[in-house]
């Protein structure tokens, strides 16, 4: 089954990138990566102390009632996971001889 990411908003692409299992769905992960990169979008939040894209997603879905410290650590964990995913997807793109964007 194919997913048409062309109809996704930037926020939806970010949400999909944060949640995609790149090992189970490598082609989808590559497409999400390429779409976000070609749109000039970051794949994770790199600004400390700011909510950013992932923070906004977490705030919407978690309700953020458990405290700021826990929330910040959740964001940092998600950023770390997205950085690791980005490295895996970049290696996969290189292995397949594809363009990054």
PDB file of N, CA and C in Angstrom:
ATOM      1  N   UNK A   1       0.846  -1.183   0.000  1.00  0.00           N
ATOM      2  CA  UNK A   1       0.000   0.000   0.000  1.00  0.00           C
ATOM      3  C   UNK A   1       0.884   1.236   0.000  1.00  0.00           C
ATOM      4  N   UNK A   2       0.574   2.141  -0.879  1.00  0.00           N
ATOM      5  CA  UNK A   2       1.342   3.370  -1.013  1.00  0.00           C
ATOM      6  C   UNK A   2       0.624   4.517  -0.302  1.00  0.00           C
ATOM      7  N   UNK A   3       1.419   5.418   0.270  1.00  0.00           N
ATOM      8  CA  UNK A   3       0.861   6.598   0.930  1.00  0.00           C
ATOM      9  C   UNK A   3       1.218   7.812   0.089  1.00  0.00           C
ATOM     10  N   UNK A   4       0.245   8.669  -0.163  1.00  0.00           N
ATOM     11  CA  UNK A   4       0.477   9.873  -0.957  1.00  0.00           C
ATOM     12  C   UNK A   4       0.870  11.020  -0.031  1.00  0.00           C
ATOM     13  N   UNK A   5       2.184  11.161   0.192  1.00  0.00           N
ATOM     14  CA  UNK A   5       2.676  12.214   1.076  1.00  0.00           C
ATOM     15  C   UNK A   5       2.571  13.598   0.445  1.00  0.00           C
ATOM     16  N   UNK A   6       2.277  13.670  -0.854  1.00  0.00           N
ATOM     17  CA  UNK A   6       2.184  14.971  -1.519  1.00  0.00           C
ATOM     18  C   UNK A   6       1.017  15.804  -0.993  1.00  0.00           C
ATOM     19  N   UNK A   7       0.029  15.168  -0.380  1.00  0.00           N
ATOM     20  CA  UNK A   7      -1.119  15.905   0.143  1.00  0.00           C
ATOM     21  C   UNK A   7      -0.945  16.280   1.614  1.00  0.00           C
ATOM     22  N   UNK A   8       0.169  15.882   2.222  1.00  0.00           N
ATOM     23  CA  UNK A   8       0.433  16.172   3.630  1.00  0.00           C
ATOM     24  C   UNK A   8       0.905  17.619   3.796  1.00  0.00           C
ATOM     25  N   UNK A   9       0.467  18.244   4.879  1.00  0.00           N
ATOM     26  CA  UNK A   9       0.997  19.550   5.248  1.00  0.00           C
ATOM     27  C   UNK A   9       2.397  19.345   5.840  1.00  0.00           C
ATOM     28  N   UNK A  10       3.138  20.419   6.007  1.00  0.00           N
ATOM     29  CA  UNK A  10       4.471  20.334   6.611  1.00  0.00           C
ATOM     30  C   UNK A  10       4.370  19.728   8.012  1.00  0.00           C
ATOM     31  N   UNK A  11       3.398  20.156   8.793  1.00  0.00           N
ATOM     32  CA  UNK A  11       3.232  19.598  10.145  1.00  0.00           C
ATOM     33  C   UNK A  11       2.933  18.110  10.103  1.00  0.00           C
ATOM     34  N   UNK A  12       2.112  17.686   9.144  1.00  0.00           N
ATOM     35  CA  UNK A  12       1.811  16.264   9.010  1.00  0.00           C
ATOM     36  C   UNK A  12       3.041  15.478   8.575  1.00  0.00           C
ATOM     37  N   UNK A  13       3.872  16.078   7.711  1.00  0.00           N
ATOM     38  CA  UNK A  13       5.119  15.416   7.320  1.00  0.00           C
ATOM     39  C   UNK A  13       6.052  15.258   8.518  1.00  0.00           C
ATOM     40  N   UNK A  14       6.133  16.296   9.359  1.00  0.00           N
ATOM     41  CA  UNK A  14       6.954  16.209  10.563  1.00  0.00           C
ATOM     42  C   UNK A  14       6.447  15.117  11.506  1.00  0.00           C
ATOM     43  N   UNK A  15       5.148  15.063  11.682  1.00  0.00           N
ATOM     44  CA  UNK A  15       4.556  14.043  12.544  1.00  0.00           C
ATOM     45  C   UNK A  15       4.834  12.643  11.990  1.00  0.00           C
ATOM     46  N   UNK A  16       4.685  12.494  10.673  1.00  0.00           N
ATOM     47  CA  UNK A  16       4.944  11.199  10.041  1.00  0.00           C
ATOM     48  C   UNK A  16       6.416  10.822  10.186  1.00  0.00           C
ATOM     49  N   UNK A  17       7.330  11.799  10.012  1.00  0.00           N
ATOM     50  CA  UNK A  17       8.761  11.525  10.160  1.00  0.00           C
ATOM     51  C   UNK A  17       9.080  11.070  11.580  1.00  0.00           C
ATOM     52  N   UNK A  18       8.504  11.750  12.563  1.00  0.00           N
ATOM     53  CA  UNK A  18       8.778  11.407  13.967  1.00  0.00           C
ATOM     54  C   UNK A  18       8.266  10.013  14.305  1.00  0.00           C
ATOM     55  N   UNK A  19       7.226   9.564  13.624  1.00  0.00           N
ATOM     56  CA  UNK A  19       6.613   8.290  14.008  1.00  0.00           C
ATOM     57  C   UNK A  19       6.932   7.120  13.069  1.00  0.00           C
ATOM     58  N   UNK A  20       7.526   7.390  11.907  1.00  0.00           N
ATOM     59  CA  UNK A  20       7.768   6.314  10.936  1.00  0.00           C
ATOM     60  C   UNK A  20       8.815   5.319  11.455  1.00  0.00           C
ATOM     61  N   UNK A  21       8.559   4.065  11.253  1.00  0.00           N
ATOM     62  CA  UNK A  21       9.545   3.018  11.544  1.00  0.00           C
ATOM     63  C   UNK A  21      10.352   2.843  10.266  1.00  0.00           C
ATOM     64  N   UNK A  22      11.544   3.459  10.250  1.00  0.00           N
ATOM     65  CA  UNK A  22      12.337   3.475   9.020  1.00  0.00           C
ATOM     66  C   UNK A  22      12.896   2.108   8.662  1.00  0.00           C
ATOM     67  N   UNK A  23      12.954   1.201   9.604  1.00  0.00           N
ATOM     68  CA  UNK A  23      13.433  -0.149   9.288  1.00  0.00           C
ATOM     69  C   UNK A  23      12.320  -0.998   8.674  1.00  0.00           C
ATOM     70  N   UNK A  24      11.097  -0.794   9.116  1.00  0.00           N
ATOM     71  CA  UNK A  24       9.960  -1.532   8.554  1.00  0.00           C
ATOM     72  C   UNK A  24       9.482  -0.911   7.239  1.00  0.00           C
ATOM     73  N   UNK A  25       9.618   0.414   7.116  1.00  0.00           N
ATOM     74  CA  UNK A  25       9.129   1.134   5.934  1.00  0.00           C
ATOM     75  C   UNK A  25      10.220   2.052   5.378  1.00  0.00           C
ATOM     76  N   UNK A  26      11.312   1.484   4.896  1.00  0.00           N
ATOM     77  CA  UNK A  26      12.428   2.325   4.436  1.00  0.00           C
ATOM     78  C   UNK A  26      12.066   3.251   3.278  1.00  0.00           C
ATOM     79  N   UNK A  27      11.255   2.794   2.346  1.00  0.00           N
ATOM     80  CA  UNK A  27      10.887   3.637   1.204  1.00  0.00           C
ATOM     81  C   UNK A  27      10.074   4.846   1.650  1.00  0.00           C
ATOM     82  N   UNK A  28       9.165   4.639   2.590  1.00  0.00           N
ATOM     83  CA  UNK A  28       8.372   5.752   3.121  1.00  0.00           C
ATOM     84  C   UNK A  28       9.260   6.717   3.891  1.00  0.00           C
ATOM     85  N   UNK A  29      10.198   6.195   4.662  1.00  0.00           N
ATOM     86  CA  UNK A  29      11.110   7.049   5.426  1.00  0.00           C
ATOM     87  C   UNK A  29      11.962   7.890   4.488  1.00  0.00           C
ATOM     88  N   UNK A  30      12.435   7.290   3.410  1.00  0.00           N
ATOM     89  CA  UNK A  30      13.224   8.033   2.423  1.00  0.00           C
ATOM     90  C   UNK A  30      12.385   9.145   1.813  1.00  0.00           C
ATOM     91  N   UNK A  31      11.156   8.824   1.442  1.00  0.00           N
ATOM     92  CA  UNK A  31      10.296   9.843   0.832  1.00  0.00           C
ATOM     93  C   UNK A  31      10.024  10.987   1.808  1.00  0.00           C
ATOM     94  N   UNK A  32       9.729  10.667   3.062  1.00  0.00           N
ATOM     95  CA  UNK A  32       9.499  11.717   4.061  1.00  0.00           C
ATOM     96  C   UNK A  32      10.744  12.577   4.227  1.00  0.00           C
ATOM     97  N   UNK A  33      11.897  11.932   4.332  1.00  0.00           N
ATOM     98  CA  UNK A  33      13.164  12.640   4.467  1.00  0.00           C
ATOM     99  C   UNK A  33      13.361  13.593   3.284  1.00  0.00           C
ATOM    100  N   UNK A  34      13.182  13.089   2.076  1.00  0.00           N
ATOM    101  CA  UNK A  34      13.391  13.898   0.881  1.00  0.00           C
ATOM    102  C   UNK A  34      12.408  15.064   0.806  1.00  0.00           C
ATOM    103  N   UNK A  35      11.157  14.816   1.159  1.00  0.00           N
ATOM    104  CA  UNK A  35      10.153  15.886   1.117  1.00  0.00           C
ATOM    105  C   UNK A  35      10.482  16.990   2.123  1.00  0.00           C
ATOM    106  N   UNK A  36      10.861  16.607   3.336  1.00  0.00           N
ATOM    107  CA  UNK A  36      11.183  17.612   4.345  1.00  0.00           C
ATOM    108  C   UNK A  36      12.454  18.381   3.970  1.00  0.00           C
ATOM    109  N   UNK A  37      13.456  17.679   3.473  1.00  0.00           N
ATOM    110  CA  UNK A  37      14.701  18.340   3.089  1.00  0.00           C
ATOM    111  C   UNK A  37      14.479  19.286   1.906  1.00  0.00           C
ATOM    112  N   UNK A  38      13.699  18.855   0.916  1.00  0.00           N
ATOM    113  CA  UNK A  38      13.463  19.710  -0.249  1.00  0.00           C
ATOM    114  C   UNK A  38      12.630  20.939   0.119  1.00  0.00           C
ATOM    115  N   UNK A  39      11.855  20.837   1.194  1.00  0.00           N
ATOM    116  CA  UNK A  39      11.081  21.985   1.671  1.00  0.00           C
ATOM    117  C   UNK A  39      11.897  22.857   2.622  1.00  0.00           C
ATOM    118  N   UNK A  40      13.165  22.461   2.850  1.00  0.00           N
ATOM    119  CA  UNK A  40      14.032  23.231   3.740  1.00  0.00           C
ATOM    120  C   UNK A  40      13.661  23.097   5.210  1.00  0.00           C
ATOM    121  N   UNK A  41      13.031  21.983   5.549  1.00  0.00           N
ATOM    122  CA  UNK A  41      12.557  21.766   6.914  1.00  0.00           C
ATOM    123  C   UNK A  41      13.567  20.949   7.730  1.00  0.00           C
ATOM    124  N   UNK A  42      13.703  21.276   9.005  1.00  0.00           N
ATOM    125  CA  UNK A  42      14.564  20.455   9.873  1.00  0.00           C
ATOM    126  C   UNK A  42      13.877  19.123  10.176  1.00  0.00           C
ATOM    127  N   UNK A  43      14.676  18.118  10.457  1.00  0.00           N
ATOM    128  CA  UNK A  43      14.122  16.800  10.777  1.00  0.00           C
ATOM    129  C   UNK A  43      13.971  16.597  12.276  1.00  0.00           C
ATOM    130  N   UNK A  44      14.484  17.526  13.042  1.00  0.00           N
ATOM    131  CA  UNK A  44      14.361  17.510  14.498  1.00  0.00           C
ATOM    132  C   UNK A  44      14.606  18.916  14.993  1.00  0.00           C
ATOM    133  N   UNK A  45      14.252  19.171  16.250  1.00  0.00           N
ATOM    134  CA  UNK A  45      14.449  20.488  16.844  1.00  0.00           C
ATOM    135  C   UNK A  45      15.877  20.598  17.347  1.00  0.00           C
ATOM    136  N   UNK A  46      16.575  21.641  16.918  1.00  0.00           N
ATOM    137  CA  UNK A  46      17.944  21.796  17.377  1.00  0.00           C
ATOM    138  C   UNK A  46      18.142  23.041  18.237  1.00  0.00           C
ATOM    139  N   UNK A  47      17.052  23.660  18.638  1.00  0.00           N
ATOM    140  CA  UNK A  47      17.130  24.859  19.468  1.00  0.00           C
ATOM    141  C   UNK A  47      16.665  24.526  20.878  1.00  0.00           C
ATOM    142  N   UNK A  48      17.572  24.572  21.832  1.00  0.00           N
ATOM    143  CA  UNK A  48      17.207  24.288  23.211  1.00  0.00           C
ATOM    144  C   UNK A  48      16.313  25.396  23.754  1.00  0.00           C
ATOM    145  N   UNK A  49      15.371  25.004  24.574  1.00  0.00           N
ATOM    146  CA  UNK A  49      14.514  25.974  25.229  1.00  0.00           C
ATOM    147  C   UNK A  49      13.343  26.451  24.384  1.00  0.00           C
ATOM    148  N   UNK A  50      13.270  26.024  23.147  1.00  0.00           N
ATOM    149  CA  UNK A  50      12.150  26.403  22.293  1.00  0.00           C
ATOM    150  C   UNK A  50      11.298  25.172  22.017  1.00  0.00           C
ATOM    151  N   UNK A  51      10.028  25.400  21.846  1.00  0.00           N
ATOM    152  CA  UNK A  51       9.103  24.294  21.633  1.00  0.00           C
ATOM    153  C   UNK A  51       9.388  23.564  20.332  1.00  0.00           C
ATOM    154  N   UNK A  52       9.512  24.259  19.234  1.00  0.00           N
ATOM    155  CA  UNK A  52       9.838  23.646  17.958  1.00  0.00           C
ATOM    156  C   UNK A  52       8.750  22.711  17.465  1.00  0.00           C
ATOM    157  N   UNK A  53       9.019  22.063  16.352  1.00  0.00           N
ATOM    158  CA  UNK A  53       8.050  21.193  15.695  1.00  0.00           C
ATOM    159  C   UNK A  53       7.687  19.999  16.571  1.00  0.00           C
ATOM    160  N   UNK A  54       8.703  19.259  17.034  1.00  0.00           N
ATOM    161  CA  UNK A  54       8.413  18.073  17.842  1.00  0.00           C
ATOM    162  C   UNK A  54       7.745  18.446  19.162  1.00  0.00           C
ATOM    163  N   UNK A  55       8.176  19.542  19.738  1.00  0.00           N
ATOM    164  CA  UNK A  55       7.556  20.001  20.976  1.00  0.00           C
ATOM    165  C   UNK A  55       6.086  20.310  20.778  1.00  0.00           C
ATOM    166  N   UNK A  56       5.765  20.933  19.660  1.00  0.00           N
ATOM    167  CA  UNK A  56       4.366  21.239  19.358  1.00  0.00           C
ATOM    168  C   UNK A  56       3.545  19.969  19.213  1.00  0.00           C
ATOM    169  N   UNK A  57       4.128  18.981  18.539  1.00  0.00           N
ATOM    170  CA  UNK A  57       3.428  17.709  18.366  1.00  0.00           C
ATOM    171  C   UNK A  57       3.188  17.053  19.728  1.00  0.00           C
ATOM    172  N   UNK A  58       4.229  17.009  20.567  1.00  0.00           N
ATOM    173  CA  UNK A  58       4.078  16.423  21.898  1.00  0.00           C
ATOM    174  C   UNK A  58       3.056  17.177  22.728  1.00  0.00           C
ATOM    175  N   UNK A  59       3.075  18.500  22.654  1.00  0.00           N
ATOM    176  CA  UNK A  59       2.148  19.294  23.440  1.00  0.00           C
ATOM    177  C   UNK A  59       0.704  18.992  23.053  1.00  0.00           C
ATOM    178  N   UNK A  60       0.471  18.860  21.768  1.00  0.00           N
ATOM    179  CA  UNK A  60      -0.886  18.585  21.285  1.00  0.00           C
ATOM    180  C   UNK A  60      -1.369  17.217  21.764  1.00  0.00           C
ATOM    181  N   UNK A  61      -0.513  16.184  21.623  1.00  0.00           N
ATOM    182  CA  UNK A  61      -0.953  14.822  21.887  1.00  0.00           C
ATOM    183  C   UNK A  61      -0.789  14.364  23.331  1.00  0.00           C
ATOM    184  N   UNK A  62       0.040  15.066  24.112  1.00  0.00           N
ATOM    185  CA  UNK A  62       0.251  14.598  25.480  1.00  0.00           C
ATOM    186  C   UNK A  62      -0.502  15.398  26.521  1.00  0.00           C
ATOM    187  N   UNK A  63      -0.961  16.575  26.163  1.00  0.00           N
ATOM    188  CA  UNK A  63      -1.658  17.395  27.129  1.00  0.00           C
ATOM    189  C   UNK A  63      -0.719  18.171  28.034  1.00  0.00           C
ATOM    190  N   UNK A  64       0.524  17.810  28.092  1.00  0.00           N
ATOM    191  CA  UNK A  64       1.583  18.464  28.863  1.00  0.00           C
ATOM    192  C   UNK A  64       1.131  18.816  30.269  1.00  0.00           C
ATOM    193  N   UNK A  65       0.655  17.844  30.994  1.00  0.00           N
ATOM    194  CA  UNK A  65       0.243  18.107  32.364  1.00  0.00           C
ATOM    195  C   UNK A  65       1.220  17.535  33.380  1.00  0.00           C
ATOM    196  N   UNK A  66       2.239  16.797  32.912  1.00  0.00           N
ATOM    197  CA  UNK A  66       3.143  16.122  33.840  1.00  0.00           C
ATOM    198  C   UNK A  66       4.346  16.971  34.241  1.00  0.00           C
ATOM    199  N   UNK A  67       4.454  18.184  33.752  1.00  0.00           N
ATOM    200  CA  UNK A  67       5.555  19.043  34.143  1.00  0.00           C
ATOM    201  C   UNK A  67       6.525  19.311  33.021  1.00  0.00           C
ATOM    202  N   UNK A  68       7.188  20.441  33.118  1.00  0.00           N
ATOM    203  CA  UNK A  68       8.082  20.899  32.062  1.00  0.00           C
ATOM    204  C   UNK A  68       9.321  20.023  31.943  1.00  0.00           C
ATOM    205  N   UNK A  69       9.924  19.604  33.064  1.00  0.00           N
ATOM    206  CA  UNK A  69      11.157  18.807  33.004  1.00  0.00           C
ATOM    207  C   UNK A  69      10.919  17.500  32.258  1.00  0.00           C
ATOM    208  N   UNK A  70       9.820  16.839  32.550  1.00  0.00           N
ATOM    209  CA  UNK A  70       9.484  15.598  31.869  1.00  0.00           C
ATOM    210  C   UNK A  70       9.231  15.856  30.390  1.00  0.00           C
ATOM    211  N   UNK A  71       8.539  16.941  30.101  1.00  0.00           N
ATOM    212  CA  UNK A  71       8.235  17.329  28.733  1.00  0.00           C
ATOM    213  C   UNK A  71       9.526  17.585  27.961  1.00  0.00           C
ATOM    214  N   UNK A  72      10.459  18.329  28.559  1.00  0.00           N
ATOM    215  CA  UNK A  72      11.744  18.623  27.910  1.00  0.00           C
ATOM    216  C   UNK A  72      12.525  17.342  27.633  1.00  0.00           C
ATOM    217  N   UNK A  73      12.509  16.407  28.566  1.00  0.00           N
ATOM    218  CA  UNK A  73      13.249  15.165  28.344  1.00  0.00           C
ATOM    219  C   UNK A  73      12.588  14.325  27.257  1.00  0.00           C
ATOM    220  N   UNK A  74      11.272  14.380  27.150  1.00  0.00           N
ATOM    221  CA  UNK A  74      10.567  13.687  26.070  1.00  0.00           C
ATOM    222  C   UNK A  74      10.971  14.264  24.714  1.00  0.00           C
ATOM    223  N   UNK A  75      11.055  15.579  24.642  1.00  0.00           N
ATOM    224  CA  UNK A  75      11.446  16.230  23.396  1.00  0.00           C
ATOM    225  C   UNK A  75      12.882  15.871  23.045  1.00  0.00           C
ATOM    226  N   UNK A  76      13.781  15.912  24.041  1.00  0.00           N
ATOM    227  CA  UNK A  76      15.177  15.576  23.778  1.00  0.00           C
ATOM    228  C   UNK A  76      15.316  14.128  23.311  1.00  0.00           C
ATOM    229  N   UNK A  77      14.558  13.214  23.920  1.00  0.00           N
ATOM    230  CA  UNK A  77      14.585  11.819  23.487  1.00  0.00           C
ATOM    231  C   UNK A  77      14.103  11.699  22.049  1.00  0.00           C
ATOM    232  N   UNK A  78      13.017  12.363  21.717  1.00  0.00           N
ATOM    233  CA  UNK A  78      12.495  12.302  20.349  1.00  0.00           C
ATOM    234  C   UNK A  78      13.486  12.918  19.366  1.00  0.00           C
ATOM    235  N   UNK A  79      14.134  14.011  19.748  1.00  0.00           N
ATOM    236  CA  UNK A  79      15.166  14.607  18.890  1.00  0.00           C
ATOM    237  C   UNK A  79      16.297  13.626  18.644  1.00  0.00           C
ATOM    238  N   UNK A  80      16.742  12.939  19.685  1.00  0.00           N
ATOM    239  CA  UNK A  80      17.819  11.953  19.551  1.00  0.00           C
ATOM    240  C   UNK A  80      17.399  10.827  18.613  1.00  0.00           C
ATOM    241  N   UNK A  81      16.189  10.340  18.781  1.00  0.00           N
ATOM    242  CA  UNK A  81      15.684   9.273  17.914  1.00  0.00           C
ATOM    243  C   UNK A  81      15.597   9.747  16.460  1.00  0.00           C
ATOM    244  N   UNK A  82      15.167  10.990  16.247  1.00  0.00           N
ATOM    245  CA  UNK A  82      15.074  11.524  14.882  1.00  0.00           C
ATOM    246  C   UNK A  82      16.462  11.726  14.276  1.00  0.00           C
ATOM    247  N   UNK A  83      17.440  12.131  15.079  1.00  0.00           N
ATOM    248  CA  UNK A  83      18.811  12.265  14.578  1.00  0.00           C
ATOM    249  C   UNK A  83      19.350  10.901  14.141  1.00  0.00           C
ATOM    250  N   UNK A  84      19.113   9.888  14.957  1.00  0.00           N
ATOM    251  CA  UNK A  84      19.564   8.537  14.635  1.00  0.00           C
ATOM    252  C   UNK A  84      18.859   8.029  13.373  1.00  0.00           C
ATOM    253  N   UNK A  85      17.565   8.293  13.281  1.00  0.00           N
ATOM    254  CA  UNK A  85      16.798   7.884  12.099  1.00  0.00           C
ATOM    255  C   UNK A  85      17.337   8.588  10.856  1.00  0.00           C
ATOM    256  N   UNK A  86      17.643   9.868  10.989  1.00  0.00           N
ATOM    257  CA  UNK A  86      18.189  10.611   9.855  1.00  0.00           C
ATOM    258  C   UNK A  86      19.490   9.971   9.366  1.00  0.00           C
ATOM    259  N   UNK A  87      20.358   9.584  10.277  1.00  0.00           N
ATOM    260  CA  UNK A  87      21.622   8.949   9.882  1.00  0.00           C
ATOM    261  C   UNK A  87      21.376   7.617   9.166  1.00  0.00           C
ATOM    262  N   UNK A  88      20.436   6.820   9.673  1.00  0.00           N
ATOM    263  CA  UNK A  88      20.126   5.546   9.014  1.00  0.00           C
ATOM    264  C   UNK A  88      19.563   5.769   7.620  1.00  0.00           C
ATOM    265  N   UNK A  89      18.661   6.741   7.487  1.00  0.00           N
ATOM    266  CA  UNK A  89      18.026   7.010   6.191  1.00  0.00           C
ATOM    267  C   UNK A  89      19.050   7.582   5.213  1.00  0.00           C
ATOM    268  N   UNK A  90      19.939   8.451   5.668  1.00  0.00           N
ATOM    269  CA  UNK A  90      20.985   8.988   4.794  1.00  0.00           C
ATOM    270  C   UNK A  90      21.882   7.868   4.274  1.00  0.00           C
ATOM    271  N   UNK A  91      22.217   6.909   5.133  1.00  0.00           N
ATOM    272  CA  UNK A  91      23.041   5.773   4.695  1.00  0.00           C
ATOM    273  C   UNK A  91      22.282   4.914   3.692  1.00  0.00           C
ATOM    274  N   UNK A  92      20.998   4.737   3.918  1.00  0.00           N
ATOM    275  CA  UNK A  92      20.179   3.964   2.990  1.00  0.00           C
ATOM    276  C   UNK A  92      20.090   4.663   1.630  1.00  0.00           C
ATOM    277  N   UNK A  93      19.923   5.977   1.648  1.00  0.00           N
ATOM    278  CA  UNK A  93      19.877   6.747   0.404  1.00  0.00           C
ATOM    279  C   UNK A  93      21.195   6.604  -0.343  1.00  0.00           C
ATOM    280  N   UNK A  94      22.298   6.725   0.383  1.00  0.00           N
ATOM    281  CA  UNK A  94      23.623   6.580  -0.235  1.00  0.00           C
ATOM    282  C   UNK A  94      23.808   5.167  -0.799  1.00  0.00           C
ATOM    283  N   UNK A  95      23.400   4.166  -0.038  1.00  0.00           N
ATOM    284  CA  UNK A  95      23.512   2.767  -0.484  1.00  0.00           C
ATOM    285  C   UNK A  95      22.725   2.524  -1.754  1.00  0.00           C
ATOM    286  N   UNK A  96      21.550   3.122  -1.846  1.00  0.00           N
ATOM    287  CA  UNK A  96      20.689   2.946  -3.021  1.00  0.00           C
ATOM    288  C   UNK A  96      21.059   3.861  -4.183  1.00  0.00           C
ATOM    289  N   UNK A  97      21.993   4.780  -3.933  1.00  0.00           N
ATOM    290  CA  UNK A  97      22.425   5.687  -4.992  1.00  0.00           C
ATOM    291  C   UNK A  97      21.375   6.750  -5.337  1.00  0.00           C
ATOM    292  N   UNK A  98      20.591   7.138  -4.358  1.00  0.00           N
ATOM    293  CA  UNK A  98      19.531   8.133  -4.570  1.00  0.00           C
ATOM    294  C   UNK A  98      20.018   9.517  -4.185  1.00  0.00           C
ATOM    295  N   UNK A  99      19.251  10.514  -4.554  1.00  0.00           N
ATOM    296  CA  UNK A  99      19.526  11.900  -4.160  1.00  0.00           C
ATOM    297  C   UNK A  99      18.873  12.162  -2.821  1.00  0.00           C
ATOM    298  N   UNK A 100      19.526  12.973  -1.978  1.00  0.00           N
ATOM    299  CA  UNK A 100      18.970  13.269  -0.654  1.00  0.00           C
ATOM    300  C   UNK A 100      17.723  14.145  -0.726  1.00  0.00           C
ATOM    301  N   UNK A 101      17.572  14.928  -1.768  1.00  0.00           N
ATOM    302  CA  UNK A 101      16.362  15.769  -1.848  1.00  0.00           C
ATOM    303  C   UNK A 101      15.790  15.794  -3.232  1.00  0.00           C
TER     304      UNK A 101
END
